[in-house]
Structures are given as structure tokens and as C-alpha cells.
N, C-alpha and C. Protein backbone atom coordinates (compact mmCIF):
# COMPACT_ATOMS: atom_id res chain seq x y z
N UNK A 1 -3.36 -13.65 11.32
CA UNK A 1 -4.60 -14.79 11.72
C UNK A 1 -4.89 -15.75 12.10
N UNK A 2 -4.43 -16.57 11.16
CA UNK A 2 -4.56 -17.99 11.36
C UNK A 2 -4.92 -18.46 13.33
N UNK A 3 -4.24 -17.97 13.68
CA UNK A 3 -4.25 -18.10 15.24
C UNK A 3 -5.57 -17.73 15.60
N UNK A 4 -5.73 -17.40 15.31
CA UNK A 4 -7.10 -16.69 16.01
C UNK A 4 -8.23 -16.97 15.35
N UNK A 5 -8.41 -17.75 13.70
CA UNK A 5 -9.19 -18.39 13.12
C UNK A 5 -8.77 -19.99 13.97
N UNK A 6 -7.76 -20.28 13.87
CA UNK A 6 -7.72 -22.24 14.18
C UNK A 6 -8.77 -22.47 15.06
N UNK A 7 -8.94 -21.86 16.36
CA UNK A 7 -9.82 -23.04 17.73
C UNK A 7 -11.18 -23.15 17.03
N UNK A 8 -11.78 -21.59 16.26
CA UNK A 8 -13.28 -22.05 15.76
C UNK A 8 -13.31 -22.41 14.38
N UNK A 9 -12.15 -22.75 13.42
CA UNK A 9 -11.77 -23.36 12.60
C UNK A 9 -13.10 -25.02 11.96
N UNK A 10 -13.00 -25.10 12.60
CA UNK A 10 -13.50 -26.25 12.34
C UNK A 10 -15.82 -26.15 13.08
N UNK A 11 -15.89 -24.92 13.58
CA UNK A 11 -17.38 -24.83 13.74
C UNK A 11 -17.67 -24.07 12.56
N UNK A 12 -16.67 -23.13 11.87
CA UNK A 12 -17.29 -22.13 11.10
C UNK A 12 -16.34 -23.00 9.47
N UNK A 13 -16.01 -23.79 9.56
CA UNK A 13 -15.60 -24.95 7.62
C UNK A 13 -17.07 -25.45 8.27
N UNK A 14 -17.76 -26.17 9.04
CA UNK A 14 -18.58 -26.87 9.59
C UNK A 14 -20.76 -26.08 8.81
N UNK A 15 -20.13 -24.65 9.12
CA UNK A 15 -21.59 -23.67 8.91
C UNK A 15 -21.13 -23.89 7.64
N UNK A 16 -20.10 -23.01 6.57
CA UNK A 16 -19.87 -23.18 5.81
C UNK A 16 -20.21 -24.72 4.86
N UNK A 17 -19.69 -24.80 4.86
CA UNK A 17 -20.35 -26.97 4.05
C UNK A 17 -21.70 -26.75 4.64
N UNK A 18 -21.90 -26.24 5.25
CA UNK A 18 -24.02 -26.41 5.73
C UNK A 18 -24.38 -25.83 4.72
N UNK A 19 -23.95 -24.13 4.50
CA UNK A 19 -24.24 -23.46 4.08
C UNK A 19 -24.04 -23.77 2.53
N UNK A 20 -22.82 -24.34 1.87
CA UNK A 20 -22.65 -24.17 0.55
C UNK A 20 -23.36 -25.66 -0.50
N UNK A 21 -23.90 -26.50 0.72
CA UNK A 21 -24.52 -27.99 0.58
C UNK A 21 -26.34 -27.50 0.39
N UNK A 22 -26.34 -26.26 1.15
CA UNK A 22 -28.10 -26.71 1.80
C UNK A 22 -28.85 -25.61 0.94
N UNK A 23 -29.84 -25.42 0.36
CA UNK A 23 -30.56 -24.33 -0.51
C UNK A 23 -30.88 -22.88 -0.03
N UNK A 24 -29.69 -22.77 0.23
CA UNK A 24 -29.43 -21.25 0.14
C UNK A 24 -29.22 -20.65 -0.91
N UNK A 25 -29.45 -19.49 -1.12
CA UNK A 25 -30.05 -18.33 -2.14
C UNK A 25 -28.76 -18.27 -2.99
N UNK A 26 -29.08 -17.81 -3.57
CA UNK A 26 -26.94 -17.38 -5.04
C UNK A 26 -26.00 -16.63 -4.11
N UNK A 27 -27.50 -15.14 -3.60
CA UNK A 27 -26.42 -14.67 -2.90
C UNK A 27 -25.53 -15.11 -1.78
N UNK A 28 -26.28 -15.83 -0.88
CA UNK A 28 -25.77 -16.53 0.01
C UNK A 28 -24.55 -17.44 -0.60
N UNK A 29 -24.54 -18.48 -0.97
CA UNK A 29 -23.94 -19.00 -1.86
C UNK A 29 -22.08 -18.88 -2.28
N UNK A 30 -22.76 -17.42 -2.61
CA UNK A 30 -21.82 -16.38 -3.20
C UNK A 30 -20.75 -16.37 -2.32
N UNK A 31 -21.83 -15.88 -1.39
CA UNK A 31 -20.65 -15.19 -0.66
C UNK A 31 -19.83 -15.50 0.82
N UNK A 32 -20.50 -17.37 0.41
CA UNK A 32 -20.08 -18.71 0.99
C UNK A 32 -18.91 -18.75 0.27
N UNK A 33 -19.18 -19.26 -0.81
CA UNK A 33 -17.53 -18.68 -1.74
C UNK A 33 -16.86 -18.95 -0.99
N UNK A 34 -16.44 -17.06 -1.43
CA UNK A 34 -16.03 -16.26 -0.63
C UNK A 34 -15.06 -16.48 0.55
N UNK A 35 -16.17 -16.69 1.67
CA UNK A 35 -15.27 -17.14 2.64
C UNK A 35 -14.52 -18.36 3.02
N UNK A 36 -14.82 -19.78 1.82
CA UNK A 36 -14.68 -21.07 1.99
C UNK A 36 -12.63 -19.96 0.99
N UNK A 37 -12.68 -18.93 0.13
CA UNK A 37 -11.75 -19.63 -0.24
C UNK A 37 -11.23 -18.47 1.03
N UNK A 38 -11.15 -16.89 1.35
CA UNK A 38 -10.58 -16.50 2.16
C UNK A 38 -10.32 -17.47 3.22
N UNK A 39 -10.95 -18.60 4.03
CA UNK A 39 -10.11 -19.10 5.09
C UNK A 39 -9.48 -20.45 4.46
N UNK A 40 -9.18 -21.05 3.10
CA UNK A 40 -8.80 -21.87 2.46
C UNK A 40 -7.47 -21.06 2.63
N UNK A 41 -7.01 -19.85 2.06
CA UNK A 41 -5.87 -18.89 2.18
C UNK A 41 -5.47 -18.65 3.56
N UNK A 42 -5.85 -18.46 5.05
CA UNK A 42 -5.98 -18.28 6.13
C UNK A 42 -5.17 -19.67 6.94
N UNK A 43 -6.37 -20.76 6.47
CA UNK A 43 -5.59 -21.88 7.28
C UNK A 43 -4.33 -22.16 6.48
N UNK A 44 -4.37 -22.08 4.98
CA UNK A 44 -3.31 -23.76 4.23
C UNK A 44 -3.02 -24.65 4.95
N UNK A 45 -2.57 -25.04 4.85
CA UNK A 45 -2.37 -26.30 5.04
C UNK A 45 -3.40 -26.91 5.52
N UNK A 46 -3.59 -26.42 6.70
CA UNK A 46 -4.73 -27.32 7.61
C UNK A 46 -6.21 -27.19 7.27
N UNK A 47 -5.43 -26.81 5.93
CA UNK A 47 -7.28 -26.56 5.43
C UNK A 47 -7.90 -27.64 4.66
N UNK A 48 -6.95 -28.30 4.31
CA UNK A 48 -6.42 -30.18 3.92
C UNK A 48 -8.32 -30.57 4.92
N UNK A 49 -7.95 -30.42 5.78
CA UNK A 49 -8.46 -31.48 6.24
C UNK A 49 -10.03 -31.97 6.06
N UNK A 50 -10.65 -29.74 5.83
CA UNK A 50 -11.66 -29.23 5.05
C UNK A 50 -12.58 -30.14 3.90
N UNK A 51 -11.15 -30.47 3.05
CA UNK A 51 -11.25 -30.12 1.48
C UNK A 51 -12.52 -30.86 0.88
N UNK A 52 -12.85 -32.11 2.00
CA UNK A 52 -13.73 -33.15 1.43
C UNK A 52 -15.17 -32.00 1.88
N UNK A 53 -15.05 -31.87 3.12
CA UNK A 53 -16.57 -31.25 3.04
C UNK A 53 -16.92 -30.17 1.43
N UNK A 54 -15.84 -29.54 1.18
CA UNK A 54 -16.13 -28.48 -0.34
C UNK A 54 -16.30 -29.23 -1.01
N UNK A 55 -15.19 -30.14 -1.66
CA UNK A 55 -15.14 -29.95 -2.42
C UNK A 55 -16.25 -30.29 -3.44
N UNK A 56 -17.20 -31.63 -3.54
CA UNK A 56 -18.30 -31.71 -4.01
C UNK A 56 -19.27 -30.71 -3.95
N UNK A 57 -19.79 -29.70 -2.99
CA UNK A 57 -20.50 -28.38 -3.41
C UNK A 57 -19.76 -27.47 -4.95
N UNK A 58 -18.96 -27.37 -4.57
CA UNK A 58 -17.84 -26.68 -5.90
C UNK A 58 -17.72 -27.09 -6.88
N UNK A 59 -17.67 -28.25 -6.61
CA UNK A 59 -17.82 -28.80 -8.55
C UNK A 59 -19.59 -29.03 -9.42
N UNK A 60 -20.08 -29.24 -8.41
CA UNK A 60 -21.57 -29.36 -8.66
C UNK A 60 -22.13 -27.60 -9.18
N UNK A 61 -21.44 -26.39 -8.09
CA UNK A 61 -22.01 -25.76 -8.80
C UNK A 61 -21.80 -25.19 -10.35
N UNK A 62 -20.04 -25.34 -10.00
CA UNK A 62 -19.44 -25.10 -11.83
C UNK A 62 -19.89 -26.48 -13.32
N UNK A 63 -20.47 -27.43 -12.39
CA UNK A 63 -21.44 -28.28 -13.55
C UNK A 63 -22.96 -28.10 -13.44
N UNK A 64 -23.31 -26.91 -12.59
CA UNK A 64 -24.95 -26.26 -13.21
C UNK A 64 -24.90 -25.88 -14.18
N UNK A 65 -26.43 -25.96 -14.58
CA UNK A 65 -26.23 -24.67 -16.21
C UNK A 65 -26.25 -23.43 -15.83
N UNK A 66 -25.97 -22.77 -16.53
CA UNK A 66 -24.96 -21.36 -16.38
C UNK A 66 -25.99 -20.36 -17.10
N UNK A 67 -26.99 -20.46 -16.61
CA UNK A 67 -28.51 -19.47 -16.23
C UNK A 67 -27.64 -17.84 -15.43
N UNK A 68 -28.38 -17.00 -16.21
CA UNK A 68 -28.17 -15.90 -15.51
C UNK A 68 -27.50 -15.24 -14.12
N UNK A 69 -28.67 -15.81 -13.76
CA UNK A 69 -28.87 -15.31 -12.80
C UNK A 69 -27.71 -16.54 -11.18
N UNK A 70 -27.11 -17.06 -12.39
CA UNK A 70 -25.83 -18.14 -11.37
C UNK A 70 -24.52 -18.23 -12.52
N UNK A 71 -24.96 -16.56 -12.59
CA UNK A 71 -23.13 -16.81 -13.49
C UNK A 71 -22.08 -15.97 -12.49
N UNK A 72 -22.42 -15.35 -11.69
CA UNK A 72 -21.54 -14.58 -10.85
C UNK A 72 -21.04 -16.30 -9.82
N UNK A 73 -22.48 -17.00 -9.44
CA UNK A 73 -21.60 -17.76 -8.59
C UNK A 73 -20.99 -19.04 -8.97
N UNK A 74 -20.95 -19.43 -10.59
CA UNK A 74 -20.28 -19.70 -10.89
C UNK A 74 -19.08 -19.73 -10.86
N UNK A 75 -19.17 -17.69 -10.80
CA UNK A 75 -17.30 -17.62 -11.34
C UNK A 75 -16.38 -17.36 -10.16
N UNK A 76 -17.61 -17.38 -8.79
CA UNK A 76 -16.44 -17.77 -7.38
C UNK A 76 -16.23 -18.88 -6.20
N UNK A 77 -16.88 -19.78 -7.89
CA UNK A 77 -16.54 -21.62 -7.32
C UNK A 77 -15.85 -21.63 -8.08
N UNK A 78 -15.44 -20.99 -10.00
CA UNK A 78 -14.39 -20.88 -10.07
C UNK A 78 -13.19 -20.07 -9.69
N UNK A 79 -12.83 -18.82 -8.99
CA UNK A 79 -11.76 -18.30 -7.71
C UNK A 79 -11.82 -19.67 -6.98
N UNK A 80 -12.49 -19.84 -6.36
CA UNK A 80 -12.18 -21.14 -5.31
C UNK A 80 -12.15 -22.29 -5.41
N UNK A 81 -12.06 -23.14 -6.71
CA UNK A 81 -11.64 -24.43 -6.67
C UNK A 81 -9.68 -23.74 -6.71
N UNK A 82 -9.80 -22.60 -7.82
CA UNK A 82 -8.57 -21.67 -8.02
C UNK A 82 -7.19 -21.77 -6.83
N UNK A 83 -8.34 -21.39 -6.36
CA UNK A 83 -7.11 -21.22 -4.34
C UNK A 83 -7.25 -22.05 -3.66
N UNK A 84 -7.88 -23.04 -3.45
CA UNK A 84 -8.22 -23.76 -3.24
C UNK A 84 -6.93 -25.07 -3.63
N UNK A 85 -7.27 -25.51 -4.57
CA UNK A 85 -5.81 -25.69 -5.57
C UNK A 85 -4.79 -25.56 -5.08
N UNK A 86 -4.50 -24.26 -5.19
CA UNK A 86 -3.03 -23.69 -4.76
C UNK A 86 -3.27 -24.11 -3.45
N UNK A 87 -3.59 -23.55 -2.38
CA UNK A 87 -3.25 -24.03 -1.19
C UNK A 87 -3.19 -25.33 -0.15
N UNK A 88 -4.11 -26.49 -1.30
CA UNK A 88 -3.93 -27.83 -0.35
C UNK A 88 -3.07 -28.22 -1.56
N UNK A 89 -2.47 -28.07 -2.12
CA UNK A 89 -0.93 -28.67 -3.33
C UNK A 89 -1.88 -29.83 -3.94
N UNK A 90 -0.53 -30.36 -5.29
CA UNK A 90 -1.05 -31.86 -6.10
C UNK A 90 -1.44 -32.45 -5.32
N UNK A 91 -1.10 -33.14 -4.47
CA UNK A 91 -1.12 -34.49 -3.69
C UNK A 91 -2.47 -34.85 -2.97
N UNK A 92 -3.29 -34.00 -2.61
CA UNK A 92 -4.84 -33.67 -2.63
C UNK A 92 -5.31 -33.12 -3.53
N UNK A 93 -5.48 -31.94 -4.46
CA UNK A 93 -6.44 -31.83 -5.69
C UNK A 93 -5.90 -32.79 -6.11
N UNK A 94 -5.08 -32.54 -6.51
CA UNK A 94 -4.64 -33.64 -7.48
C UNK A 94 -5.01 -34.84 -8.33
N UNK A 95 -6.04 -35.66 -7.52
CA UNK A 95 -6.94 -36.92 -8.07
C UNK A 95 -7.89 -36.49 -8.70
N UNK A 96 -8.14 -34.78 -7.89
CA UNK A 96 -9.86 -34.31 -8.14
C UNK A 96 -9.48 -33.62 -9.76
N UNK A 97 -8.49 -33.34 -9.26
CA UNK A 97 -8.00 -32.18 -11.30
C UNK A 97 -8.82 -33.19 -12.49
N UNK A 98 -8.57 -33.84 -12.55
CA UNK A 98 -9.34 -34.08 -13.86
C UNK A 98 -10.65 -33.85 -14.55
N UNK A 99 -11.43 -33.93 -13.29
CA UNK A 99 -13.10 -33.86 -12.68
C UNK A 99 -13.11 -32.03 -13.15
N UNK A 100 -12.34 -30.61 -11.85
CA UNK A 100 -12.34 -29.86 -12.09
C UNK A 100 -12.33 -29.74 -13.67
N UNK A 101 -11.15 -29.96 -14.56
CA UNK A 101 -9.96 -29.53 -15.20
C UNK A 101 -11.59 -29.56 -16.86
N UNK A 102 -12.02 -31.10 -16.63
CA UNK A 102 -12.90 -30.73 -17.40
C UNK A 102 -14.32 -30.60 -17.38
N UNK A 103 -15.04 -30.20 -16.00
CA UNK A 103 -15.63 -29.30 -16.43
C UNK A 103 -15.37 -28.18 -17.33
N UNK A 104 -14.37 -27.37 -16.75
CA UNK A 104 -14.11 -26.12 -16.56
C UNK A 104 -13.81 -26.34 -18.64
N UNK A 105 -13.06 -26.81 -18.63
CA UNK A 105 -13.20 -27.34 -20.57
C UNK A 105 -14.41 -27.08 -21.32
N UNK A 106 -15.30 -27.45 -20.36
CA UNK A 106 -16.29 -28.05 -21.20
C UNK A 106 -17.32 -26.46 -20.89
N UNK A 107 -17.32 -25.74 -19.90
CA UNK A 107 -18.11 -24.62 -19.63
C UNK A 107 -17.29 -23.50 -20.52
N UNK A 108 -15.46 -23.58 -21.29
CA UNK A 108 -15.78 -22.23 -21.72
C UNK A 108 -15.59 -23.35 -23.50
N UNK A 109 -15.71 -24.56 -23.37
CA UNK A 109 -15.95 -24.87 -25.23
C UNK A 109 -17.38 -24.20 -25.72
N UNK A 110 -18.34 -24.35 -23.95
CA UNK A 110 -19.55 -23.90 -24.06
C UNK A 110 -20.08 -21.93 -24.58
N UNK A 111 -18.76 -21.52 -24.58
CA UNK A 111 -19.26 -20.87 -25.00
C UNK A 111 -18.99 -19.48 -23.39
N UNK A 112 -18.58 -18.52 -23.59
CA UNK A 112 -18.95 -17.77 -22.31
C UNK A 112 -19.68 -15.61 -23.06
N UNK A 113 -19.89 -15.90 -22.88
CA UNK A 113 -20.11 -14.46 -23.15
C UNK A 113 -19.00 -13.12 -22.79
N UNK A 114 -18.99 -12.30 -23.59
CA UNK A 114 -17.41 -11.17 -22.88
C UNK A 114 -18.37 -10.65 -21.72
N UNK A 115 -18.93 -10.32 -21.18
CA UNK A 115 -19.69 -10.25 -19.89
C UNK A 115 -19.85 -11.38 -18.79
N UNK A 116 -19.57 -11.99 -19.71
CA UNK A 116 -19.76 -13.13 -18.10
C UNK A 116 -18.75 -13.54 -17.33
N UNK A 117 -19.28 -13.06 -16.19
CA UNK A 117 -18.07 -12.88 -15.15
C UNK A 117 -16.96 -13.97 -14.51
N UNK A 118 -17.38 -15.37 -15.73
CA UNK A 118 -16.70 -16.00 -15.62
C UNK A 118 -15.45 -16.13 -16.10
N UNK A 119 -15.37 -15.86 -17.35
CA UNK A 119 -14.64 -15.59 -17.70
C UNK A 119 -12.96 -15.74 -17.60
N UNK A 120 -12.78 -14.40 -16.83
CA UNK A 120 -11.82 -13.82 -16.24
C UNK A 120 -11.44 -15.07 -14.77
N UNK A 121 -12.39 -14.99 -14.25
CA UNK A 121 -12.61 -16.17 -13.71
C UNK A 121 -11.58 -17.43 -13.26
N UNK A 122 -12.06 -18.06 -14.36
CA UNK A 122 -11.87 -19.87 -15.54
C UNK A 122 -10.67 -20.00 -15.32
N UNK A 123 -10.09 -18.62 -16.56
CA UNK A 123 -8.79 -18.76 -17.16
C UNK A 123 -7.50 -18.34 -15.47
N UNK A 124 -8.08 -18.26 -14.41
CA UNK A 124 -7.34 -17.73 -12.69
C UNK A 124 -7.44 -18.83 -12.69
N UNK A 125 -7.75 -19.55 -12.43
CA UNK A 125 -8.42 -20.54 -12.03
C UNK A 125 -7.02 -21.84 -13.14
N UNK A 126 -7.44 -21.75 -13.55
CA UNK A 126 -7.08 -22.97 -14.51
C UNK A 126 -5.03 -22.12 -14.51
N UNK A 127 -5.03 -20.69 -14.06
CA UNK A 127 -3.83 -20.19 -14.12
C UNK A 127 -2.94 -21.37 -12.35
N UNK A 128 -4.15 -21.11 -11.79
CA UNK A 128 -3.77 -21.96 -9.83
C UNK A 128 -3.57 -23.27 -10.93
N UNK A 129 -4.70 -23.85 -10.80
CA UNK A 129 -4.64 -25.56 -11.06
C UNK A 129 -3.31 -25.96 -11.73
N UNK A 130 -2.60 -24.87 -12.53
CA UNK A 130 -1.53 -25.52 -13.95
C UNK A 130 -0.47 -25.29 -12.74
N UNK A 131 -0.62 -24.04 -11.53
CA UNK A 131 0.51 -23.92 -11.12
C UNK A 131 1.01 -25.39 -9.51
N UNK A 132 -0.78 -26.45 -9.99
CA UNK A 132 -0.77 -26.33 -8.83
C UNK A 132 -0.35 -28.31 -9.51
N UNK A 133 -0.99 -28.86 -10.50
CA UNK A 133 -0.80 -29.66 -10.73
C UNK A 133 0.50 -29.93 -12.20
N UNK A 134 1.07 -29.00 -12.16
CA UNK A 134 2.93 -29.44 -12.85
C UNK A 134 2.49 -29.88 -14.70
N UNK A 135 3.00 -30.29 -15.20
CA UNK A 135 2.87 -30.93 -15.86
C UNK A 135 1.82 -32.30 -16.80
N UNK A 136 0.79 -32.46 -15.60
CA UNK A 136 -0.37 -32.79 -15.59
C UNK A 136 -1.84 -31.78 -16.21
N UNK A 137 -1.11 -30.45 -15.99
CA UNK A 137 -2.38 -29.63 -16.96
C UNK A 137 -1.82 -30.02 -18.25
N UNK A 138 -0.73 -30.87 -19.06
CA UNK A 138 -0.71 -30.16 -20.53
C UNK A 138 -1.77 -30.61 -21.16
N UNK A 139 -2.27 -31.63 -21.18
CA UNK A 139 -3.43 -32.23 -22.09
C UNK A 139 -4.59 -30.38 -22.30
N UNK A 140 -4.46 -29.52 -21.46
CA UNK A 140 -5.60 -28.50 -21.25
C UNK A 140 -4.38 -27.20 -21.61
N UNK A 141 -3.34 -27.19 -21.53
CA UNK A 141 -2.60 -26.06 -22.14
C UNK A 141 -3.17 -25.72 -23.86
N UNK A 142 -3.67 -26.17 -24.36
CA UNK A 142 -3.91 -25.64 -25.90
C UNK A 142 -5.41 -25.05 -25.19
N UNK A 143 -5.95 -26.12 -24.99
CA UNK A 143 -7.43 -24.73 -24.68
C UNK A 143 -7.59 -24.04 -24.07
N UNK A 144 -7.20 -23.66 -22.83
CA UNK A 144 -6.47 -22.82 -21.97
C UNK A 144 -5.86 -20.77 -22.30
N UNK A 145 -5.13 -21.67 -23.30
CA UNK A 145 -3.69 -20.50 -23.68
C UNK A 145 -4.80 -19.61 -24.95
N UNK A 146 -5.10 -20.42 -25.42
CA UNK A 146 -5.99 -19.57 -27.22
C UNK A 146 -7.29 -18.31 -26.36
N UNK A 147 -7.61 -18.07 -25.38
CA UNK A 147 -8.29 -17.32 -24.44
C UNK A 147 -7.12 -16.53 -24.03
N UNK A 148 -6.93 -17.50 -23.28
CA UNK A 148 -4.73 -16.19 -22.45
C UNK A 148 -4.41 -15.91 -23.25
N UNK A 149 -3.88 -16.50 -24.62
CA UNK A 149 -3.56 -14.78 -25.13
C UNK A 149 -4.21 -13.60 -26.01
N UNK A 150 -5.68 -14.27 -26.14
CA UNK A 150 -6.16 -13.13 -26.82
C UNK A 150 -6.87 -12.20 -26.38
N UNK A 151 -7.09 -12.19 -24.38
CA UNK A 151 -6.69 -11.98 -23.69
C UNK A 151 -5.81 -10.69 -24.06
N UNK A 152 -4.55 -11.23 -23.80
CA UNK A 152 -3.92 -9.93 -23.39
C UNK A 152 -3.37 -9.86 -24.00
N UNK A 153 -3.59 -9.93 -25.45
CA UNK A 153 -3.52 -9.10 -26.78
C UNK A 153 -4.30 -7.87 -26.88
N UNK A 154 -5.99 -8.37 -26.09
CA UNK A 154 -7.10 -7.30 -26.17
C UNK A 154 -6.52 -6.01 -25.29
N UNK A 155 -5.86 -6.78 -23.82
CA UNK A 155 -5.31 -5.65 -23.17
C UNK A 155 -4.33 -4.94 -24.07
N UNK A 156 -3.59 -5.24 -24.08
CA UNK A 156 -2.82 -4.47 -24.97
C UNK A 156 -2.70 -3.21 -25.69
N UNK A 157 -3.89 -4.10 -26.42
CA UNK A 157 -4.85 -3.01 -27.72
C UNK A 157 -5.33 -1.89 -26.76
N UNK A 158 -5.52 -2.27 -25.84
CA UNK A 158 -6.20 -1.13 -24.86
C UNK A 158 -5.82 -0.65 -24.33
N UNK A 159 -4.27 -0.74 -24.34
CA UNK A 159 -3.97 -0.09 -23.66
C UNK A 159 -3.01 0.51 -23.78
N UNK A 160 -2.48 0.17 -25.49
CA UNK A 160 -1.60 1.14 -26.72
C UNK A 160 -2.51 2.60 -26.98
N UNK A 161 -4.09 1.44 -27.45
CA UNK A 161 -4.93 2.65 -28.29
C UNK A 161 -4.49 3.78 -27.13
N UNK A 162 -5.34 3.30 -25.92
CA UNK A 162 -5.83 4.64 -25.40
C UNK A 162 -4.70 5.19 -25.39
N UNK A 163 -3.35 4.88 -24.92
CA UNK A 163 -2.79 5.75 -25.00
C UNK A 163 -1.79 7.10 -25.85
N UNK A 164 -1.84 6.09 -26.75
CA UNK A 164 -2.04 7.23 -28.27
C UNK A 164 -2.94 7.87 -28.47
N UNK A 165 -4.23 7.49 -27.75
CA UNK A 165 -5.12 8.42 -28.20
C UNK A 165 -5.60 10.04 -26.63
N UNK A 166 -5.34 9.38 -25.94
CA UNK A 166 -6.02 10.34 -24.47
C UNK A 166 -4.54 11.81 -25.06
């Protein structure tokens, strides 16, 4: 797939950067983030050259107030930043990891409703970022590990009780 996309990558990535940085609707931005995440996976190491075109917009979405109509957008931004971290690696993402993790930690500390689509995406992003930056993730480990263990326990309980009642 990357051989097919690479010749058009500059035009595609430029259009996506404009879309995310512009005054698009929330729905368009959501789909744009999904496209950026997908392109990151397709372009792999070549995505690093587009990183600076997207990082400020993604960070701005992550840091924006969590109003109901933007929860899915924020969740997609979390997913996207995690995928990008995995794609570009520690050398490229590392200098920005602290800003991203501080933003994610503020989001977590502010409380997230159980129905917030960002709960799972935040934990997924943290997992990907931890894999990317390794030991530099240690300051965030305790804060992230508690909800991961709680989710795992809830999933195990639901599976156990669902099995025994059925």
C-alpha cells in the first residue's frame, strides 16, 4: 500500500494538515484524524517528515475543553497521537512526549465519564507512548496503571459473571 500512496503523500498530507488546522467541522476533523493515523501506519518511517505539520493541531485538540460535542474528536486525537508515537519512534516523538503526557494526565485527573469514548483511547495512547519512550514513561506509570487495572478487573468480572449467569 505504501508504494501506491507515497507518490501522492505530499499532496495528501498537505490537505490533511490544512483540514486539521483550519476551521473544519468537528465531524470533518474526526475523520481527518483517522486519516492521519492511517497514513502514519501506511507511510511508516516516512511519516516522520510530516510530523511537525500535525503535532500542534493534535495537541490543541487534546488540550481543548472537553465539551460533549468534542469528546469523540478528543478520543480520535488520543488514538492518533498514540499511533504516531509508535510510527515515528522515540527519537522524533520523545521531545514532545512530556507535553502530550501532561495533557493526557490533566485529562485523566479532570475525570472522565464512563461513557466518554476517550477513556479507552487515552489508555491505548498511553500504552503506545510507553512502548515508544520506554523508561521515560515511568513518571506516569502509577497514574496510568490504576485505571488500566480497574478496567481489566471490570472486564474480568463481566466475563466471569456473564459466563456463570448464562
